[in-house]
Amino acid sequence: MRDEEPLCFRCARHMRTCCQTNEVYVTLNDVGRITDHTGRYDFFESRVPTDPAYFRQDDDPLWRDVVSGPDGARRVLKRTPGRQCTFLGPNGCTLPCDVRPLACRLYPYQYDERGILADLASGCPTALLRPGEGLIESLGMSLEQARRWHAQLYCELRLEKEALCTWA
């Protein structure tokens, strides 16, 4: 029954998913997890963001220093010709949660190196929520889980920064 569909299914059907409206950054460990799961290595690329908001990352120096290269390019998931994430299916993401990029797992939480921020990202189409349904609950997420993924993400970013420093 459509009323019982998870929010991601409803978003996919309405062409409003987070991976249709955002460019998804992947850590090197994300690449490894996805490659191990799919057997593919052709799902990401280095690209300069099309959204100018991605250039204003000065509030999070670690993110800024690791994620964007000198030319502003970032390692992101490829998109189909229809501008959808390569892993988006009719029912949402085709990757299991523990394989998805950490940025995907954390969305719609907003964060910086210090932790999870109070406000959620505004990109989720909350109009698709059922009456009385909360966004985080509908997504099956918890703040505790988000904090673990956040810690993992920033650990992976620090490791990438250390690797960058050894090559410099």
C-alpha atoms as a PDB file:
ATOM      1  CA  MET A   1       0.000   0.000   0.000  1.00  0.00           C
ATOM      2  CA  ARG A   2       1.423   3.390  -0.978  1.00  0.00           C
ATOM      3  CA  ASP A   3       0.572   4.965   2.386  1.00  0.00           C
ATOM      4  CA  GLU A   4       2.995   2.536   4.034  1.00  0.00           C
ATOM      5  CA  GLU A   5       5.906   3.242   1.679  1.00  0.00           C
ATOM      6  CA  PRO A   6       9.086   4.550   3.274  1.00  0.00           C
ATOM      7  CA  LEU A   7       9.762   8.232   2.676  1.00  0.00           C
ATOM      8  CA  CYS A   8      12.665   7.498   0.299  1.00  0.00           C
ATOM      9  CA  PHE A   9      10.286   5.526  -1.962  1.00  0.00           C
ATOM     10  CA  ARG A  10       7.885   8.464  -2.030  1.00  0.00           C
ATOM     11  CA  CYS A  11      10.714  10.891  -2.756  1.00  0.00           C
ATOM     12  CA  ALA A  12      12.049   8.716  -5.588  1.00  0.00           C
ATOM     13  CA  ARG A  13       8.594   8.519  -7.133  1.00  0.00           C
ATOM     14  CA  HIS A  14       8.269  12.336  -6.994  1.00  0.00           C
ATOM     15  CA  MET A  15      11.823  12.871  -8.338  1.00  0.00           C
ATOM     16  CA  ARG A  16      12.775  14.757  -5.168  1.00  0.00           C
ATOM     17  CA  THR A  17      15.461  12.601  -3.562  1.00  0.00           C
ATOM     18  CA  CYS A  18      18.512  14.099  -1.893  1.00  0.00           C
ATOM     19  CA  CYS A  19      20.755  12.461  -4.494  1.00  0.00           C
ATOM     20  CA  GLN A  20      18.839  14.209  -7.276  1.00  0.00           C
ATOM     21  CA  THR A  21      19.177  17.637  -5.697  1.00  0.00           C
ATOM     22  CA  ASN A  22      22.679  17.374  -4.151  1.00  0.00           C
ATOM     23  CA  GLU A  23      26.108  16.397  -5.397  1.00  0.00           C
ATOM     24  CA  VAL A  24      27.260  13.480  -3.253  1.00  0.00           C
ATOM     25  CA  TYR A  25      30.854  13.589  -2.023  1.00  0.00           C
ATOM     26  CA  VAL A  26      32.532  10.220  -1.391  1.00  0.00           C
ATOM     27  CA  THR A  27      35.523   9.541   0.840  1.00  0.00           C
ATOM     28  CA  LEU A  28      38.206   7.139  -0.330  1.00  0.00           C
ATOM     29  CA  ASN A  29      36.812   4.618   2.151  1.00  0.00           C
ATOM     30  CA  ASP A  30      33.318   5.122   0.677  1.00  0.00           C
ATOM     31  CA  VAL A  31      34.824   4.264  -2.707  1.00  0.00           C
ATOM     32  CA  GLY A  32      36.341   1.097  -1.222  1.00  0.00           C
ATOM     33  CA  ARG A  33      33.106  -0.004   0.449  1.00  0.00           C
ATOM     34  CA  ILE A  34      31.064   0.576  -2.706  1.00  0.00           C
ATOM     35  CA  THR A  35      33.643  -1.113  -4.920  1.00  0.00           C
ATOM     36  CA  ASP A  36      33.777  -4.138  -2.608  1.00  0.00           C
ATOM     37  CA  HIS A  37      29.976  -4.401  -2.687  1.00  0.00           C
ATOM     38  CA  THR A  38      29.349  -3.732  -6.390  1.00  0.00           C
ATOM     39  CA  GLY A  39      32.565  -4.915  -8.031  1.00  0.00           C
ATOM     40  CA  ARG A  40      32.568  -1.591  -9.879  1.00  0.00           C
ATOM     41  CA  TYR A  41      35.013   1.310  -9.840  1.00  0.00           C
ATOM     42  CA  ASP A  42      33.274   3.517 -12.413  1.00  0.00           C
ATOM     43  CA  PHE A  43      30.685   5.167 -10.155  1.00  0.00           C
ATOM     44  CA  PHE A  44      32.541   8.326  -9.114  1.00  0.00           C
ATOM     45  CA  GLU A  45      34.391  11.190 -10.729  1.00  0.00           C
ATOM     46  CA  SER A  46      36.263  14.345  -9.845  1.00  0.00           C
ATOM     47  CA  ARG A  47      34.144  17.341 -10.723  1.00  0.00           C
ATOM     48  CA  VAL A  48      33.913  21.028  -9.898  1.00  0.00           C
ATOM     49  CA  PRO A  49      30.549  21.592  -8.171  1.00  0.00           C
ATOM     50  CA  THR A  50      27.742  23.191 -10.127  1.00  0.00           C
ATOM     51  CA  ASP A  51      26.111  24.550  -6.947  1.00  0.00           C
ATOM     52  CA  PRO A  52      27.960  27.659  -5.655  1.00  0.00           C
ATOM     53  CA  ALA A  53      27.012  26.715  -2.066  1.00  0.00           C
ATOM     54  CA  TYR A  54      29.689  24.013  -2.224  1.00  0.00           C
ATOM     55  CA  PHE A  55      32.382  26.679  -2.566  1.00  0.00           C
ATOM     56  CA  ARG A  56      31.515  28.298   0.799  1.00  0.00           C
ATOM     57  CA  GLN A  57      32.958  25.757   3.225  1.00  0.00           C
ATOM     58  CA  ASP A  58      35.094  28.079   5.374  1.00  0.00           C
ATOM     59  CA  ASP A  59      33.103  27.177   8.503  1.00  0.00           C
ATOM     60  CA  ASP A  60      34.609  23.677   8.371  1.00  0.00           C
ATOM     61  CA  PRO A  61      38.342  23.874   7.553  1.00  0.00           C
ATOM     62  CA  LEU A  62      38.957  20.105   7.574  1.00  0.00           C
ATOM     63  CA  TRP A  63      36.116  19.550   5.101  1.00  0.00           C
ATOM     64  CA  ARG A  64      37.326  22.433   2.931  1.00  0.00           C
ATOM     65  CA  ASP A  65      40.954  21.284   2.938  1.00  0.00           C
ATOM     66  CA  VAL A  66      40.284  17.609   2.195  1.00  0.00           C
ATOM     67  CA  VAL A  67      37.153  17.566   0.048  1.00  0.00           C
ATOM     68  CA  SER A  68      38.020  20.194  -2.578  1.00  0.00           C
ATOM     69  CA  GLY A  69      41.150  20.002  -4.666  1.00  0.00           C
ATOM     70  CA  PRO A  70      43.160  23.082  -5.685  1.00  0.00           C
ATOM     71  CA  ASP A  71      40.872  23.567  -8.710  1.00  0.00           C
ATOM     72  CA  GLY A  72      37.724  23.171  -6.558  1.00  0.00           C
ATOM     73  CA  ALA A  73      36.968  19.690  -7.920  1.00  0.00           C
ATOM     74  CA  ARG A  74      35.532  17.086  -5.547  1.00  0.00           C
ATOM     75  CA  ARG A  75      35.217  13.295  -5.632  1.00  0.00           C
ATOM     76  CA  VAL A  76      31.495  12.759  -6.187  1.00  0.00           C
ATOM     77  CA  LEU A  77      29.118  10.039  -7.297  1.00  0.00           C
ATOM     78  CA  LYS A  78      28.454  10.086 -11.020  1.00  0.00           C
ATOM     79  CA  ARG A  79      25.049  11.031 -12.299  1.00  0.00           C
ATOM     80  CA  THR A  80      22.981   9.519 -15.073  1.00  0.00           C
ATOM     81  CA  PRO A  81      22.080  11.678 -18.104  1.00  0.00           C
ATOM     82  CA  GLY A  82      18.862  12.495 -16.182  1.00  0.00           C
ATOM     83  CA  ARG A  83      21.028  13.950 -13.346  1.00  0.00           C
ATOM     84  CA  GLN A  84      20.228  11.142 -10.913  1.00  0.00           C
ATOM     85  CA  CYS A  85      22.731   9.338  -8.740  1.00  0.00           C
ATOM     86  CA  THR A  86      24.005   6.213 -10.447  1.00  0.00           C
ATOM     87  CA  PHE A  87      22.676   4.171  -7.477  1.00  0.00           C
ATOM     88  CA  LEU A  88      19.168   5.621  -7.414  1.00  0.00           C
ATOM     89  CA  GLY A  89      16.470   3.085  -8.212  1.00  0.00           C
ATOM     90  CA  PRO A  90      12.675   3.417  -8.321  1.00  0.00           C
ATOM     91  CA  ASN A  91      12.488   2.705  -4.586  1.00  0.00           C
ATOM     92  CA  GLY A  92      15.395   4.895  -3.487  1.00  0.00           C
ATOM     93  CA  CYS A  93      19.041   3.995  -3.048  1.00  0.00           C
ATOM     94  CA  THR A  94      20.042   0.551  -4.301  1.00  0.00           C
ATOM     95  CA  LEU A  95      23.004   0.332  -1.911  1.00  0.00           C
ATOM     96  CA  PRO A  96      22.582  -1.173   1.564  1.00  0.00           C
ATOM     97  CA  CYS A  97      22.844   1.442   4.302  1.00  0.00           C
ATOM     98  CA  ASP A  98      26.253   0.228   5.531  1.00  0.00           C
ATOM     99  CA  VAL A  99      27.685   0.626   2.010  1.00  0.00           C
ATOM    100  CA  ARG A 100      26.246   4.059   1.170  1.00  0.00           C
ATOM    101  CA  PRO A 101      28.530   7.091   1.286  1.00  0.00           C
ATOM    102  CA  LEU A 102      28.702   8.548   4.780  1.00  0.00           C
ATOM    103  CA  ALA A 103      27.333  11.858   3.486  1.00  0.00           C
ATOM    104  CA  CYS A 104      24.238   9.990   2.286  1.00  0.00           C
ATOM    105  CA  ARG A 105      23.803   8.166   5.563  1.00  0.00           C
ATOM    106  CA  LEU A 106      23.967  11.448   7.469  1.00  0.00           C
ATOM    107  CA  TYR A 107      21.488  13.351   5.316  1.00  0.00           C
ATOM    108  CA  PRO A 108      19.360  15.330   6.310  1.00  0.00           C
ATOM    109  CA  TYR A 109      21.483  16.054   9.379  1.00  0.00           C
ATOM    110  CA  GLN A 110      23.740  19.049   8.907  1.00  0.00           C
ATOM    111  CA  TYR A 111      27.188  18.891  10.468  1.00  0.00           C
ATOM    112  CA  ASP A 112      30.686  20.258  10.638  1.00  0.00           C
ATOM    113  CA  GLU A 113      33.845  18.921  12.262  1.00  0.00           C
ATOM    114  CA  ARG A 114      32.559  19.786  15.750  1.00  0.00           C
ATOM    115  CA  GLY A 115      29.438  17.611  15.398  1.00  0.00           C
ATOM    116  CA  ILE A 116      25.802  17.409  14.330  1.00  0.00           C
ATOM    117  CA  LEU A 117      24.138  20.819  14.053  1.00  0.00           C
ATOM    118  CA  ALA A 118      20.734  21.680  15.482  1.00  0.00           C
ATOM    119  CA  ASP A 119      18.947  22.346  12.185  1.00  0.00           C
ATOM    120  CA  LEU A 120      18.207  19.705   9.574  1.00  0.00           C
ATOM    121  CA  ALA A 121      18.935  20.309   5.893  1.00  0.00           C
ATOM    122  CA  SER A 122      16.041  21.937   4.107  1.00  0.00           C
ATOM    123  CA  GLY A 123      16.218  19.685   1.038  1.00  0.00           C
ATOM    124  CA  CYS A 124      13.978  16.848   2.216  1.00  0.00           C
ATOM    125  CA  PRO A 125      10.479  17.213   0.776  1.00  0.00           C
ATOM    126  CA  THR A 126       8.677  17.226   4.102  1.00  0.00           C
ATOM    127  CA  ALA A 127       5.399  17.746   2.227  1.00  0.00           C
ATOM    128  CA  LEU A 128       5.601  14.019   1.443  1.00  0.00           C
ATOM    129  CA  LEU A 129       5.489  13.114   5.135  1.00  0.00           C
ATOM    130  CA  ARG A 130       2.261  11.628   6.412  1.00  0.00           C
ATOM    131  CA  PRO A 131       0.356  13.727   8.981  1.00  0.00           C
ATOM    132  CA  GLY A 132       2.135  13.556  12.319  1.00  0.00           C
ATOM    133  CA  GLU A 133       5.186  11.824  10.829  1.00  0.00           C
ATOM    134  CA  GLY A 134       8.593  13.230  11.788  1.00  0.00           C
ATOM    135  CA  LEU A 135      11.380  13.395   9.216  1.00  0.00           C
ATOM    136  CA  ILE A 136      14.073  11.606  11.215  1.00  0.00           C
ATOM    137  CA  GLU A 137      11.679   8.929  12.451  1.00  0.00           C
ATOM    138  CA  SER A 138      10.332   8.383   8.946  1.00  0.00           C
ATOM    139  CA  LEU A 139      13.857   7.820   7.663  1.00  0.00           C
ATOM    140  CA  GLY A 140      14.520   5.317  10.447  1.00  0.00           C
ATOM    141  CA  MET A 141      17.407   7.399  11.743  1.00  0.00           C
ATOM    142  CA  SER A 142      18.545   8.411  15.191  1.00  0.00           C
ATOM    143  CA  LEU A 143      20.800  11.142  16.487  1.00  0.00           C
ATOM    144  CA  GLU A 144      22.963   8.494  18.125  1.00  0.00           C
ATOM    145  CA  GLN A 145      23.522   6.712  14.797  1.00  0.00           C
ATOM    146  CA  ALA A 146      24.166  10.026  13.064  1.00  0.00           C
ATOM    147  CA  ARG A 147      26.841  10.832  15.634  1.00  0.00           C
ATOM    148  CA  ARG A 148      28.585   7.505  14.925  1.00  0.00           C
ATOM    149  CA  TRP A 149      28.495   8.130  11.161  1.00  0.00           C
ATOM    150  CA  HIS A 150      29.723  11.681  11.726  1.00  0.00           C
ATOM    151  CA  ALA A 151      32.668  10.396  13.778  1.00  0.00           C
ATOM    152  CA  GLN A 152      33.462   7.859  11.052  1.00  0.00           C
ATOM    153  CA  LEU A 153      33.248  10.505   8.315  1.00  0.00           C
ATOM    154  CA  TYR A 154      35.623  12.894  10.058  1.00  0.00           C
ATOM    155  CA  CYS A 155      38.002  10.064  10.936  1.00  0.00           C
ATOM    156  CA  GLU A 156      38.122   9.166   7.235  1.00  0.00           C
ATOM    157  CA  LEU A 157      38.650  12.828   6.300  1.00  0.00           C
ATOM    158  CA  ARG A 158      41.547  13.110   8.779  1.00  0.00           C
ATOM    159  CA  LEU A 159      43.129   9.976   7.290  1.00  0.00           C
ATOM    160  CA  GLU A 160      42.817  11.471   3.816  1.00  0.00           C
ATOM    161  CA  LYS A 161      44.382  14.725   5.048  1.00  0.00           C
ATOM    162  CA  GLU A 162      47.300  12.793   6.540  1.00  0.00           C
ATOM    163  CA  ALA A 163      47.771  11.011   3.221  1.00  0.00           C
ATOM    164  CA  LEU A 164      47.696  14.346   1.394  1.00  0.00           C
ATOM    165  CA  CYS A 165      50.343  15.709   3.765  1.00  0.00           C
ATOM    166  CA  THR A 166      52.696  12.780   3.184  1.00  0.00           C
ATOM    167  CA  TRP A 167      52.548  13.387  -0.579  1.00  0.00           C
ATOM    168  CA  ALA A 168      53.194  17.131  -0.324  1.00  0.00           C
END
